[in-house]
């Protein structure tokens, strides 16, 4: 059992539905990770991501992206590729 702001969340079976979308499966997986490892797991992952971003890009790049509202998305493939 996992406590979130004094509420008890009972774990539900992961495979209760047979036909679920990819988004629903990801949501269930995220809930399961939260139940197993707790919020601190996600906090640590975010910190590692920030450290990696800081090591890869200059301060000027990060500052410009912040003013634009975030890092630009990578260009998508054209011609039906995925």
C-alpha atoms as a PDB file:
ATOM      1  CA  UNK A   1       0.000   0.000   0.000  1.00  0.00           C
ATOM      2  CA  UNK A   2       1.249   3.503  -0.822  1.00  0.00           C
ATOM      3  CA  UNK A   3       0.314   6.740   0.921  1.00  0.00           C
ATOM      4  CA  UNK A   4      -0.186   9.954  -1.032  1.00  0.00           C
ATOM      5  CA  UNK A   5      -1.282  12.952   1.061  1.00  0.00           C
ATOM      6  CA  UNK A   6      -2.960  10.756   3.672  1.00  0.00           C
ATOM      7  CA  UNK A   7      -4.880   8.754   1.062  1.00  0.00           C
ATOM      8  CA  UNK A   8      -4.500   5.017   0.721  1.00  0.00           C
ATOM      9  CA  UNK A   9      -4.119   3.770  -2.843  1.00  0.00           C
ATOM     10  CA  UNK A  10      -4.727   0.080  -3.287  1.00  0.00           C
ATOM     11  CA  UNK A  11      -2.616  -1.495  -6.035  1.00  0.00           C
ATOM     12  CA  UNK A  12      -4.685  -2.699  -8.964  1.00  0.00           C
ATOM     13  CA  UNK A  13      -3.705  -5.600 -11.193  1.00  0.00           C
ATOM     14  CA  UNK A  14      -1.642  -4.366 -14.129  1.00  0.00           C
ATOM     15  CA  UNK A  15      -3.313  -6.579 -16.683  1.00  0.00           C
ATOM     16  CA  UNK A  16      -6.947  -6.135 -15.686  1.00  0.00           C
ATOM     17  CA  UNK A  17      -7.844  -4.914 -19.201  1.00  0.00           C
ATOM     18  CA  UNK A  18      -6.736  -6.862 -22.242  1.00  0.00           C
ATOM     19  CA  UNK A  19      -7.057  -4.114 -24.840  1.00  0.00           C
ATOM     20  CA  UNK A  20      -5.374  -0.981 -23.502  1.00  0.00           C
ATOM     21  CA  UNK A  21      -3.686   1.819 -25.370  1.00  0.00           C
ATOM     22  CA  UNK A  22       0.011   2.561 -25.149  1.00  0.00           C
ATOM     23  CA  UNK A  23      -0.773   5.677 -23.088  1.00  0.00           C
ATOM     24  CA  UNK A  24      -2.851   3.654 -20.619  1.00  0.00           C
ATOM     25  CA  UNK A  25      -0.094   1.054 -20.311  1.00  0.00           C
ATOM     26  CA  UNK A  26       2.450   3.807 -19.643  1.00  0.00           C
ATOM     27  CA  UNK A  27       0.183   5.348 -17.026  1.00  0.00           C
ATOM     28  CA  UNK A  28      -0.223   2.009 -15.254  1.00  0.00           C
ATOM     29  CA  UNK A  29       3.528   1.446 -15.376  1.00  0.00           C
ATOM     30  CA  UNK A  30       4.187   4.874 -13.903  1.00  0.00           C
ATOM     31  CA  UNK A  31       1.733   4.241 -11.080  1.00  0.00           C
ATOM     32  CA  UNK A  32       3.362   0.890 -10.361  1.00  0.00           C
ATOM     33  CA  UNK A  33       6.853   2.461 -10.221  1.00  0.00           C
ATOM     34  CA  UNK A  34       5.509   5.154  -7.871  1.00  0.00           C
ATOM     35  CA  UNK A  35       4.051   2.473  -5.614  1.00  0.00           C
ATOM     36  CA  UNK A  36       7.246   0.394  -5.597  1.00  0.00           C
ATOM     37  CA  UNK A  37       9.938   3.082  -5.368  1.00  0.00           C
ATOM     38  CA  UNK A  38       8.154   6.237  -4.217  1.00  0.00           C
ATOM     39  CA  UNK A  39       8.313   9.873  -5.262  1.00  0.00           C
ATOM     40  CA  UNK A  40      12.025  10.196  -4.508  1.00  0.00           C
ATOM     41  CA  UNK A  41      12.769   7.843  -7.417  1.00  0.00           C
ATOM     42  CA  UNK A  42      11.260  10.360  -9.839  1.00  0.00           C
ATOM     43  CA  UNK A  43      13.018  13.267  -8.107  1.00  0.00           C
ATOM     44  CA  UNK A  44      16.383  11.532  -8.554  1.00  0.00           C
ATOM     45  CA  UNK A  45      15.646  10.774 -12.218  1.00  0.00           C
ATOM     46  CA  UNK A  46      14.831  14.440 -12.833  1.00  0.00           C
ATOM     47  CA  UNK A  47      18.045  15.561 -11.153  1.00  0.00           C
ATOM     48  CA  UNK A  48      20.098  13.172 -13.308  1.00  0.00           C
ATOM     49  CA  UNK A  49      18.380  14.534 -16.402  1.00  0.00           C
ATOM     50  CA  UNK A  50      19.186  18.110 -15.430  1.00  0.00           C
ATOM     51  CA  UNK A  51      22.842  17.231 -14.796  1.00  0.00           C
ATOM     52  CA  UNK A  52      23.074  15.570 -18.225  1.00  0.00           C
ATOM     53  CA  UNK A  53      21.402  18.530 -19.946  1.00  0.00           C
ATOM     54  CA  UNK A  54      23.789  20.911 -18.212  1.00  0.00           C
ATOM     55  CA  UNK A  55      26.833  18.913 -19.312  1.00  0.00           C
ATOM     56  CA  UNK A  56      25.729  18.665 -22.965  1.00  0.00           C
ATOM     57  CA  UNK A  57      24.657  22.245 -23.674  1.00  0.00           C
ATOM     58  CA  UNK A  58      26.087  25.681 -22.945  1.00  0.00           C
ATOM     59  CA  UNK A  59      24.556  28.194 -20.565  1.00  0.00           C
ATOM     60  CA  UNK A  60      23.674  30.414 -23.517  1.00  0.00           C
ATOM     61  CA  UNK A  61      21.707  27.606 -25.201  1.00  0.00           C
ATOM     62  CA  UNK A  62      19.793  26.777 -22.038  1.00  0.00           C
ATOM     63  CA  UNK A  63      19.062  30.446 -21.360  1.00  0.00           C
ATOM     64  CA  UNK A  64      17.742  30.975 -24.900  1.00  0.00           C
ATOM     65  CA  UNK A  65      15.534  27.859 -24.658  1.00  0.00           C
ATOM     66  CA  UNK A  66      14.128  29.058 -21.333  1.00  0.00           C
ATOM     67  CA  UNK A  67      13.129  32.360 -22.892  1.00  0.00           C
ATOM     68  CA  UNK A  68      11.470  30.484 -25.771  1.00  0.00           C
ATOM     69  CA  UNK A  69       9.511  28.273 -23.373  1.00  0.00           C
ATOM     70  CA  UNK A  70      11.649  25.137 -23.504  1.00  0.00           C
ATOM     71  CA  UNK A  71      14.086  23.202 -25.624  1.00  0.00           C
ATOM     72  CA  UNK A  72      13.025  22.960 -29.295  1.00  0.00           C
ATOM     73  CA  UNK A  73      11.678  19.598 -30.431  1.00  0.00           C
ATOM     74  CA  UNK A  74      13.649  17.469 -32.813  1.00  0.00           C
ATOM     75  CA  UNK A  75      12.473  17.573 -36.387  1.00  0.00           C
ATOM     76  CA  UNK A  76      10.132  14.755 -37.331  1.00  0.00           C
ATOM     77  CA  UNK A  77      10.765  12.491 -40.291  1.00  0.00           C
ATOM     78  CA  UNK A  78       8.833  13.094 -43.469  1.00  0.00           C
ATOM     79  CA  UNK A  79       7.752  10.630 -46.108  1.00  0.00           C
ATOM     80  CA  UNK A  80       5.891   8.209 -43.825  1.00  0.00           C
ATOM     81  CA  UNK A  81       8.886   7.242 -41.685  1.00  0.00           C
ATOM     82  CA  UNK A  82       8.568   6.785 -37.950  1.00  0.00           C
END
